[in-house]
Every structure is written in C-alpha cells, then in structure tokens.
Amino acid sequence: MTELKQLTPHAAIPREQATRTRRQRHLLRTFLPELVSLERTLAEAPEQVRTQVVDRIDVGPQTLPIYRVDLGTDAPDAPAVVLVGGVHGLERIGSQVVMAWMRNLMARLSWDDSLVRLLERVHITLLPILNPGGMYLNQRSNPNGVDLMRNSPITAQDRSAFLLGGQKLSPRLPWYIGEPSTAMEPENRALENVISGLLPGRPFSVALDCHSGFGWQDQIWFPYAYRRRPMRKIASVMALKLIWEQAWPDHDYRFEPQSRHYLTHGDLWDYFYKQINRDNTGTFLPLTLEMGSWRWVRKRPRQLFRLDGLFNPLVPHRHRRVLRSHLAFMDFLVEAAASHRNWLPEGAEESMLREAAIMHWYRDSR
C-alpha cells in the first residue's frame, strides 16, 4: 500500500539498496511509529474499508504517504463526517485518537448490525496523519517549516496574537504562514482536494480536526479564527451543542469559537467553511478538538523538559484514558450527521438559536 509494502525482498536487490531499505524501515519505526501502526491496521481492514494515498511527502530519503480512509455509503447526497489528525507534527495524540476510533469501528463491522445499518446512511472519511513529514521530524510545522493551520489565504480582520496568530518572518520561527504569493502547502492542497471532492452537494457534513496543547480543559472550537463576528451557521453549532449536552450531560468539553482566545491568519477550517458553505445549500460545520495538554503537564511537571511532553500524555494510563475518552463524541458526530433532519434548525427555531448563540458566545464583542 505504501513504500513499506512495495519494497522488494532483500535477496532480490543489491546489497546497498537492501541496507538503505532496512535503514528506512528502522527510521520509520523509530520516528514515525504512528504511520507503521496505521499501515498495519489498514492491511488488516475489512473489505468495507477503502484506502488510498492522496499525496506523498518527501522528507530526506523518505517518501511518506498521506492516507485517506473511507467507510459507509458512497451516495453523493448522504451526510458526511470527516476526521483529521496530525496537522501539527508534535501533536501525535491527535493522530492516535483518530486511529483509536478507526480501529474501534473496524472491529465492530463484523458483528455490530446497528453500525452496519448506520453506515448505509452516512459517509465517513478519515485522514489520520495529514502532516507525516512534520511528525517524522518531530516538529509542529511541515518539512518546509510552514504551520499548516496558518497557511490558507485568509487574513485576520483585527490584530492577531504576536507570532501565535501567524508570522511571515521566517520558517525557523513557529507559526510561519508560508509565502503569501504561493499556493497552499501540499498537505493542505491534498486536504482541500478531499474536502472539495467530497462535501459539496451534501445536505449536512461535519469535520473534526484533533489537536492538543491548549488549556486545562478539552475544548471544541469552531470558526471563526480570523474575526470575532459569528459565522452564518452559528445556530447549527448551538443546536449540535444542545443535543450533545442533553444526551451526555456529564461531558468535559467546552464549546467556543476560537476567536474568544486569539485571532489568527490563515486558519484552514475558516477557509474550508467559507468555500463549502458559499455555494452549497447544505450545512458544513468544521470543529476542532483541542485537547487540554496543560493537565498532563501539571500532573507530571517533568514533561516540561521534553518537547513531546508539552503536547502528549506520556504516562501510559493517561495515554490510554485519552484514547478512549473521545470515542463517544466521535460516535455522536456520526449519529448526529445521519439524523441531521431531526435536529438541524430551520425558520423561527434557527433565528432563536442564532440569537441564543450570539448572547452566549459573542455578547462581549457586540
């Protein structure tokens, strides 16, 4: 399926090439175990699971694939759910959470009749490791030094946070937005091709992009990040929040627009939201799961001395807890997408929920 599986047996190739092949395998196992785990999972996937490589990223001697995984109906008018992980290479836990949920689905396909029936009504697309080069290099940015979440052609409408909101100074500094006169980075173009080919024309779609590294609490962020005024579909976000809280009242998520914390240039999901909803009669809601890594650091302060410790749970029992703690929300998104006609607001209800959302999230910025 990828370079790992296409390698010729060592006996059939020159000794120098065989040595290089073994070295590449060792490097992947050492620096990118998530990709090795993903490929093993896909190699054993049921026949209902469709897999393709949407792009390949060169990192030194390595050529690393960006995998796309699809499940569910291929009907073009069915609702869709998109899950993305690994946008920032340091935040490995995002990819691991997506893959944990994917393995859960695959394991249930052979016996869970309710899941099989659900997948007849909804389409699921996963990109577990969008930035394999950055993850291999153990850095936030992609191999070109560009922060993929600051790389879309959108400019903040007000003062953004210094450096954090995106900077043009140098790829050697974090949060580099890339060269404004060039196209988006190849990882983002690959994601854009997936989004633009999958979502237009659907009555409802939702995306969840899994990150870590901000705050004491797990948060669900939604657009906008480039302005403080509410998005046009804000009533739908409020409706989604309400049905989640009614079904899971003891949840630990905090729903907020990202602009409540800081403004950024080039937010990827702001860009996709505007692109898809501009000419689409349906509804597309992009969400970001921001796992609160400060809690992991507080419980184990010596993680401060490790770069990966700032963004990932390093203690095994905490790691396992994180992997299982988000499965319910991901399952909920699939169920909500399949049943969107039962809760998506219209008419007077939409106006009421929009006003409630503005009072709840934006009254300080009116």
Protein backbone atom coordinates (compact mmCIF):
# COMPACT_ATOMS: atom_id res chain seq x y z
CA MET A 1 0.00 0.00 0.00
CA THR A 2 2.93 2.31 0.56
CA GLU A 3 6.64 2.42 0.27
CA LEU A 4 6.91 -0.01 3.17
CA LYS A 5 4.82 -2.62 1.38
CA GLN A 6 6.29 -2.06 -2.04
CA LEU A 7 9.84 -2.81 -1.00
CA THR A 8 11.43 -5.72 -2.85
CA PRO A 9 12.77 -8.61 -0.74
CA HIS A 10 16.37 -8.01 0.21
CA ALA A 11 17.63 -11.07 -1.64
CA ALA A 12 16.39 -9.68 -4.95
CA ILE A 13 18.05 -6.28 -4.75
CA PRO A 14 21.62 -5.02 -4.45
CA ARG A 15 23.21 -5.04 -1.00
CA GLU A 16 23.45 -1.22 -0.91
CA GLN A 17 19.76 -0.85 -1.67
CA ALA A 18 18.82 -3.54 0.84
CA THR A 19 20.83 -1.72 3.51
CA ARG A 20 19.09 1.55 2.64
CA THR A 21 15.70 -0.21 2.78
CA ARG A 22 16.40 -1.62 6.25
CA ARG A 23 17.56 1.80 7.40
CA GLN A 24 14.38 3.44 6.12
CA ARG A 25 12.22 0.88 7.88
CA HIS A 26 14.14 1.40 11.09
CA LEU A 27 13.79 5.18 10.81
CA LEU A 28 10.03 4.91 10.29
CA ARG A 29 9.63 2.59 13.27
CA THR A 30 11.76 4.93 15.37
CA PHE A 31 10.49 8.35 14.32
CA LEU A 32 7.04 7.64 12.88
CA PRO A 33 5.51 4.65 14.68
CA GLU A 34 2.05 6.13 14.04
CA LEU A 35 2.44 5.51 10.30
CA VAL A 36 3.62 1.95 10.88
CA SER A 37 0.63 1.34 13.16
CA LEU A 38 -1.76 2.87 10.63
CA GLU A 39 -0.44 0.70 7.79
CA ARG A 40 -0.75 -2.44 9.88
CA THR A 41 -4.34 -1.54 10.74
CA LEU A 42 -5.21 -0.86 7.10
CA ALA A 43 -3.55 -4.09 5.96
CA GLU A 44 -5.99 -5.99 8.21
CA ALA A 45 -9.03 -3.80 7.49
CA PRO A 46 -12.37 -5.36 6.48
CA GLU A 47 -13.40 -5.16 2.85
CA GLN A 48 -15.87 -2.35 3.62
CA VAL A 49 -12.91 -0.05 4.28
CA ARG A 50 -11.50 1.78 1.23
CA THR A 51 -7.98 3.19 1.36
CA GLN A 52 -5.99 5.45 -0.93
CA VAL A 53 -2.90 7.64 -0.82
CA VAL A 54 -3.85 11.25 -1.61
CA ASP A 55 -0.28 12.56 -1.72
CA ARG A 56 3.30 11.70 -0.84
CA ILE A 57 5.64 13.99 1.07
CA ASP A 58 9.42 13.91 0.58
CA VAL A 59 11.47 14.09 3.77
CA GLY A 60 15.12 13.45 3.04
CA PRO A 61 15.41 9.82 1.92
CA GLN A 62 11.82 9.10 2.93
CA THR A 63 8.66 9.45 0.87
CA LEU A 64 5.80 9.49 3.34
CA PRO A 65 2.18 8.88 2.29
CA ILE A 66 -0.92 10.80 3.35
CA TYR A 67 -3.61 8.16 3.72
CA ARG A 68 -7.32 8.64 3.16
CA VAL A 69 -9.69 6.04 4.63
CA ASP A 70 -13.38 5.83 3.65
CA LEU A 71 -16.28 3.91 5.14
CA GLY A 72 -20.02 3.99 4.66
CA THR A 73 -22.27 4.82 1.76
CA ASP A 74 -20.99 6.39 -1.44
CA ALA A 75 -24.30 8.12 -2.14
CA PRO A 76 -23.43 11.74 -3.09
CA ASP A 77 -26.42 13.13 -1.17
CA ALA A 78 -25.67 11.32 2.11
CA PRO A 79 -24.36 13.28 5.10
CA ALA A 80 -20.63 13.05 5.70
CA VAL A 81 -18.23 13.04 8.63
CA VAL A 82 -14.54 13.92 8.19
CA LEU A 83 -11.92 13.23 10.87
CA VAL A 84 -8.40 14.63 10.61
CA GLY A 85 -5.34 14.13 12.80
CA GLY A 86 -1.69 15.04 12.76
CA VAL A 87 -1.96 18.51 11.26
CA HIS A 88 0.76 19.55 13.70
CA GLY A 89 3.58 17.04 13.81
CA LEU A 90 4.27 17.46 17.51
CA GLU A 91 0.67 16.66 18.46
CA ARG A 92 0.85 12.92 17.92
CA ILE A 93 -2.05 12.28 20.25
CA GLY A 94 -4.42 13.77 17.66
CA SER A 95 -3.50 11.08 15.13
CA GLN A 96 -3.60 8.42 17.81
CA VAL A 97 -7.13 9.40 18.86
CA VAL A 98 -8.37 9.27 15.25
CA MET A 99 -6.76 5.87 14.75
CA ALA A 100 -8.19 4.55 18.04
CA TRP A 101 -11.68 5.44 16.85
CA MET A 102 -11.00 3.96 13.41
CA ARG A 103 -9.86 0.67 14.97
CA ASN A 104 -13.00 0.65 17.11
CA LEU A 105 -15.19 0.97 14.00
CA MET A 106 -13.29 -1.72 12.11
CA ALA A 107 -13.52 -4.17 14.99
CA ARG A 108 -17.30 -3.70 15.18
CA LEU A 109 -18.04 -4.11 11.47
CA SER A 110 -18.09 -7.91 11.69
CA TRP A 111 -20.76 -8.12 14.41
CA ASP A 112 -22.44 -4.75 15.06
CA ASP A 113 -25.61 -4.71 12.92
CA SER A 114 -26.57 -1.24 14.13
CA LEU A 115 -23.23 0.15 12.92
CA VAL A 116 -23.62 -1.56 9.54
CA ARG A 117 -27.08 -0.02 9.14
CA LEU A 118 -25.77 3.37 10.24
CA LEU A 119 -23.05 3.26 7.60
CA GLU A 120 -25.73 2.74 4.96
CA ARG A 121 -26.91 6.30 5.74
CA VAL A 122 -23.67 8.22 6.29
CA HIS A 123 -20.21 8.53 4.74
CA ILE A 124 -17.04 8.69 6.85
CA THR A 125 -13.65 9.91 5.65
CA LEU A 126 -10.52 9.87 7.81
CA LEU A 127 -7.08 11.39 7.26
CA PRO A 128 -5.28 10.18 10.38
CA ILE A 129 -1.86 11.70 9.62
CA LEU A 130 -2.10 14.82 7.47
CA ASN A 131 1.45 16.00 8.23
CA PRO A 132 3.62 12.86 8.21
CA GLY A 133 6.73 14.88 7.41
CA GLY A 134 6.35 17.14 10.43
CA MET A 135 5.62 14.15 12.65
CA TYR A 136 8.66 12.31 11.33
CA LEU A 137 10.83 15.38 12.04
CA ASN A 138 9.13 15.89 15.43
CA GLN A 139 8.16 19.48 14.67
CA ARG A 140 4.91 21.43 14.61
CA SER A 141 5.30 22.59 11.00
CA ASN A 142 5.59 20.58 7.82
CA PRO A 143 9.06 19.84 6.34
CA ASN A 144 9.05 23.30 4.69
CA GLY A 145 8.72 24.98 8.08
CA VAL A 146 5.12 26.07 7.42
CA ASP A 147 2.40 25.82 10.07
CA LEU A 148 -0.44 24.16 8.17
CA MET A 149 -3.06 25.85 10.36
CA ARG A 150 -1.75 29.29 9.36
CA ASN A 151 -1.39 28.58 5.63
CA SER A 152 -4.75 29.28 3.98
CA PRO A 153 -5.43 32.54 2.05
CA ILE A 154 -7.30 34.29 4.87
CA THR A 155 -6.14 37.39 6.76
CA ALA A 156 -7.26 38.27 10.28
CA GLN A 157 -9.64 41.24 10.35
CA ASP A 158 -8.23 42.57 13.61
CA ARG A 159 -4.91 42.47 15.44
CA SER A 160 -3.78 38.86 15.77
CA ALA A 161 -1.66 37.48 18.58
CA PHE A 162 2.03 38.26 18.07
CA LEU A 163 3.72 35.31 16.33
CA LEU A 164 0.99 32.92 17.56
CA GLY A 165 -1.51 34.37 15.08
CA GLY A 166 0.83 33.65 12.17
CA GLN A 167 4.09 35.29 11.11
CA LYS A 168 5.86 35.95 7.80
CA LEU A 169 9.34 36.46 9.23
CA SER A 170 10.96 33.07 8.92
CA PRO A 171 10.24 29.33 8.73
CA ARG A 172 12.77 28.98 11.55
CA LEU A 173 10.22 30.54 13.89
CA PRO A 174 6.98 28.81 14.89
CA TRP A 175 3.62 29.67 13.30
CA TYR A 176 5.14 30.59 9.92
CA ILE A 177 2.34 31.13 7.38
CA GLY A 178 4.42 30.44 4.28
CA GLU A 179 4.99 32.66 1.27
CA PRO A 180 1.68 34.51 0.65
CA SER A 181 2.22 34.64 -3.12
CA THR A 182 2.43 30.85 -3.46
CA ALA A 183 -0.21 28.15 -3.25
CA MET A 184 -1.00 26.35 -0.02
CA GLU A 185 1.38 23.64 1.12
CA PRO A 186 1.00 20.18 -0.47
CA GLU A 187 -0.56 18.70 2.68
CA ASN A 188 -3.25 21.40 2.67
CA ARG A 189 -3.83 21.05 -1.05
CA ALA A 190 -4.35 17.31 -0.53
CA LEU A 191 -6.90 18.02 2.19
CA GLU A 192 -8.57 20.66 0.02
CA ASN A 193 -8.95 18.13 -2.79
CA VAL A 194 -10.59 15.70 -0.39
CA ILE A 195 -12.94 18.34 1.02
CA SER A 196 -13.90 19.87 -2.35
CA GLY A 197 -14.48 16.47 -3.92
CA LEU A 198 -16.46 15.04 -1.01
CA LEU A 199 -18.64 17.69 0.64
CA PRO A 200 -20.37 19.93 -1.96
CA GLY A 201 -23.97 18.95 -2.60
CA ARG A 202 -24.46 17.11 0.68
CA PRO A 203 -27.28 18.23 2.98
CA PHE A 204 -25.06 18.08 6.07
CA SER A 205 -21.41 17.45 6.83
CA VAL A 206 -19.20 17.87 9.86
CA ALA A 207 -15.43 17.73 10.32
CA LEU A 208 -13.43 17.14 13.49
CA ASP A 209 -9.73 18.07 13.48
CA CYS A 210 -7.89 16.66 16.50
CA HIS A 211 -5.19 18.77 18.19
CA SER A 212 -3.63 19.19 21.63
CA GLY A 213 -1.70 21.74 23.60
CA PHE A 214 -4.03 24.49 24.82
CA GLY A 215 -5.56 24.91 28.25
CA TRP A 216 -6.64 22.88 31.24
CA GLN A 217 -9.80 21.53 29.59
CA ASP A 218 -10.71 19.73 26.39
CA GLN A 219 -12.34 22.23 24.04
CA ILE A 220 -14.41 22.07 20.87
CA TRP A 221 -13.57 25.11 18.76
CA PHE A 222 -15.45 26.28 15.70
CA PRO A 223 -14.99 29.15 13.19
CA TYR A 224 -14.09 31.84 13.05
CA ALA A 225 -10.45 32.30 13.97
CA TYR A 226 -9.88 35.29 11.69
CA ARG A 227 -12.69 37.51 13.03
CA ARG A 228 -14.77 37.92 16.17
CA ARG A 229 -18.16 38.13 14.48
CA PRO A 230 -20.24 34.91 14.37
CA MET A 231 -20.39 32.54 11.43
CA ARG A 232 -23.58 32.33 9.38
CA LYS A 233 -24.30 28.76 10.53
CA ILE A 234 -23.86 29.56 14.23
CA ALA A 235 -27.41 28.39 15.02
CA SER A 236 -26.48 24.91 13.78
CA VAL A 237 -23.45 24.82 16.08
CA MET A 238 -25.66 25.78 19.02
CA ALA A 239 -28.16 23.07 18.08
CA LEU A 240 -25.38 20.48 17.89
CA LYS A 241 -24.05 21.59 21.28
CA LEU A 242 -27.51 21.31 22.84
CA ILE A 243 -28.29 17.79 21.62
CA TRP A 244 -24.82 16.65 22.75
CA GLU A 245 -25.30 18.11 26.23
CA GLN A 246 -28.80 16.65 26.52
CA ALA A 247 -27.53 13.16 25.70
CA TRP A 248 -24.19 13.43 27.57
CA PRO A 249 -24.76 15.99 30.35
CA ASP A 250 -21.61 14.95 32.22
CA HIS A 251 -19.23 15.65 29.34
CA ASP A 252 -16.00 17.58 29.85
CA TYR A 253 -15.87 19.69 26.66
CA ARG A 254 -16.06 23.44 26.41
CA PHE A 255 -17.63 24.68 23.15
CA GLU A 256 -16.30 28.04 21.95
CA PRO A 257 -15.37 29.97 18.82
CA GLN A 258 -11.60 30.08 18.52
CA SER A 259 -11.76 33.88 18.30
CA ARG A 260 -12.58 34.03 22.01
CA HIS A 261 -8.95 33.15 22.68
CA TYR A 262 -6.98 34.76 19.85
CA LEU A 263 -7.22 35.67 16.17
CA THR A 264 -5.06 34.01 13.55
CA HIS A 265 -4.19 34.43 9.90
CA GLY A 266 -4.72 31.56 7.50
CA ASP A 267 -6.91 29.27 9.59
CA LEU A 268 -7.54 26.18 7.50
CA TRP A 269 -11.08 25.46 8.68
CA ASP A 270 -12.19 29.07 8.30
CA TYR A 271 -11.14 28.72 4.67
CA PHE A 272 -12.92 25.41 4.08
CA TYR A 273 -16.05 26.60 5.88
CA LYS A 274 -16.31 29.64 3.63
CA GLN A 275 -15.55 27.65 0.48
CA ILE A 276 -18.10 24.89 1.08
CA ASN A 277 -20.93 26.99 2.51
CA ARG A 278 -20.60 29.76 -0.07
CA ASP A 279 -22.32 27.88 -2.89
CA ASN A 280 -23.85 24.98 -1.01
CA THR A 281 -27.47 24.75 0.13
CA GLY A 282 -26.49 22.27 2.82
CA THR A 283 -24.62 22.82 6.08
CA PHE A 284 -20.94 22.18 6.77
CA LEU A 285 -19.69 22.51 10.36
CA PRO A 286 -15.91 22.28 10.91
CA LEU A 287 -14.92 21.60 14.52
CA THR A 288 -11.54 21.38 16.21
CA LEU A 289 -10.92 19.18 19.23
CA GLU A 290 -8.26 20.96 21.29
CA MET A 291 -7.15 18.52 23.98
CA GLY A 292 -6.00 20.33 27.11
CA SER A 293 -2.42 19.18 27.49
CA TRP A 294 -1.69 21.51 30.40
CA ARG A 295 -3.42 18.99 32.67
CA TRP A 296 -0.94 16.30 31.66
CA VAL A 297 1.96 18.65 32.39
CA ARG A 298 0.51 19.68 35.76
CA LYS A 299 0.28 16.06 36.86
CA ARG A 300 3.78 15.30 35.59
CA PRO A 301 5.82 18.54 35.59
CA ARG A 302 8.97 16.91 34.28
CA GLN A 303 7.22 16.64 30.90
CA LEU A 304 8.14 20.32 30.54
CA PHE A 305 11.68 19.21 29.76
CA ARG A 306 10.58 17.14 26.76
CA LEU A 307 9.21 18.72 23.60
CA ASP A 308 6.70 15.92 23.04
CA GLY A 309 5.71 16.17 26.71
CA LEU A 310 4.15 19.60 26.10
CA PHE A 311 1.59 18.14 23.70
CA ASN A 312 1.11 14.47 24.52
CA PRO A 313 0.28 12.35 27.58
CA LEU A 314 3.42 10.34 28.33
CA VAL A 315 2.24 8.27 31.30
CA PRO A 316 0.70 5.03 29.92
CA HIS A 317 -2.54 5.09 31.92
CA ARG A 318 -3.22 8.73 30.98
CA HIS A 319 -2.46 7.94 27.36
CA ARG A 320 -5.00 5.09 27.37
CA ARG A 321 -7.56 7.32 29.08
CA VAL A 322 -7.22 9.97 26.38
CA LEU A 323 -7.55 7.40 23.59
CA ARG A 324 -10.87 6.14 24.96
CA SER A 325 -12.30 9.40 26.30
CA HIS A 326 -13.18 10.89 22.88
CA LEU A 327 -14.78 7.84 21.30
CA ALA A 328 -18.26 8.81 22.50
CA PHE A 329 -18.08 12.26 20.91
CA MET A 330 -16.90 10.85 17.58
CA ASP A 331 -19.70 8.27 17.63
CA PHE A 332 -22.11 11.09 18.43
CA LEU A 333 -20.99 13.10 15.40
CA VAL A 334 -21.72 10.16 13.09
CA GLU A 335 -25.16 9.61 14.65
CA ALA A 336 -25.92 13.33 14.53
CA ALA A 337 -24.91 13.53 10.87
CA ALA A 338 -27.07 10.56 9.94
CA SER A 339 -30.04 12.07 11.82
CA HIS A 340 -29.42 15.73 10.97
CA ARG A 341 -33.00 16.28 9.77
CA ASN A 342 -34.23 15.69 13.34
CA TRP A 343 -32.22 18.49 14.96
CA LEU A 344 -30.84 20.90 12.35
CA PRO A 345 -32.76 24.17 12.97
CA GLU A 346 -34.90 25.94 10.39
CA GLY A 347 -37.09 29.03 10.26
CA ALA A 348 -38.08 30.51 13.62
CA GLU A 349 -36.07 27.93 15.55
CA GLU A 350 -32.93 28.87 13.63
CA SER A 351 -33.46 32.56 14.40
CA MET A 352 -33.98 31.79 18.09
CA LEU A 353 -30.88 29.62 18.32
CA ARG A 354 -28.80 32.19 16.46
CA GLU A 355 -29.76 34.86 18.96
CA ALA A 356 -29.05 32.46 21.84
CA ALA A 357 -25.63 31.66 20.36
CA ILE A 358 -24.76 35.33 19.98
CA MET A 359 -25.77 36.04 23.57
CA HIS A 360 -23.84 33.02 24.81
CA TRP A 361 -20.59 33.47 22.87
CA TYR A 362 -20.45 36.99 21.43
CA ARG A 363 -22.20 39.40 23.80
CA ASP A 364 -18.84 40.84 24.92
CA SER A 365 -17.90 41.68 21.30
CA ARG A 366 -21.17 43.27 20.15
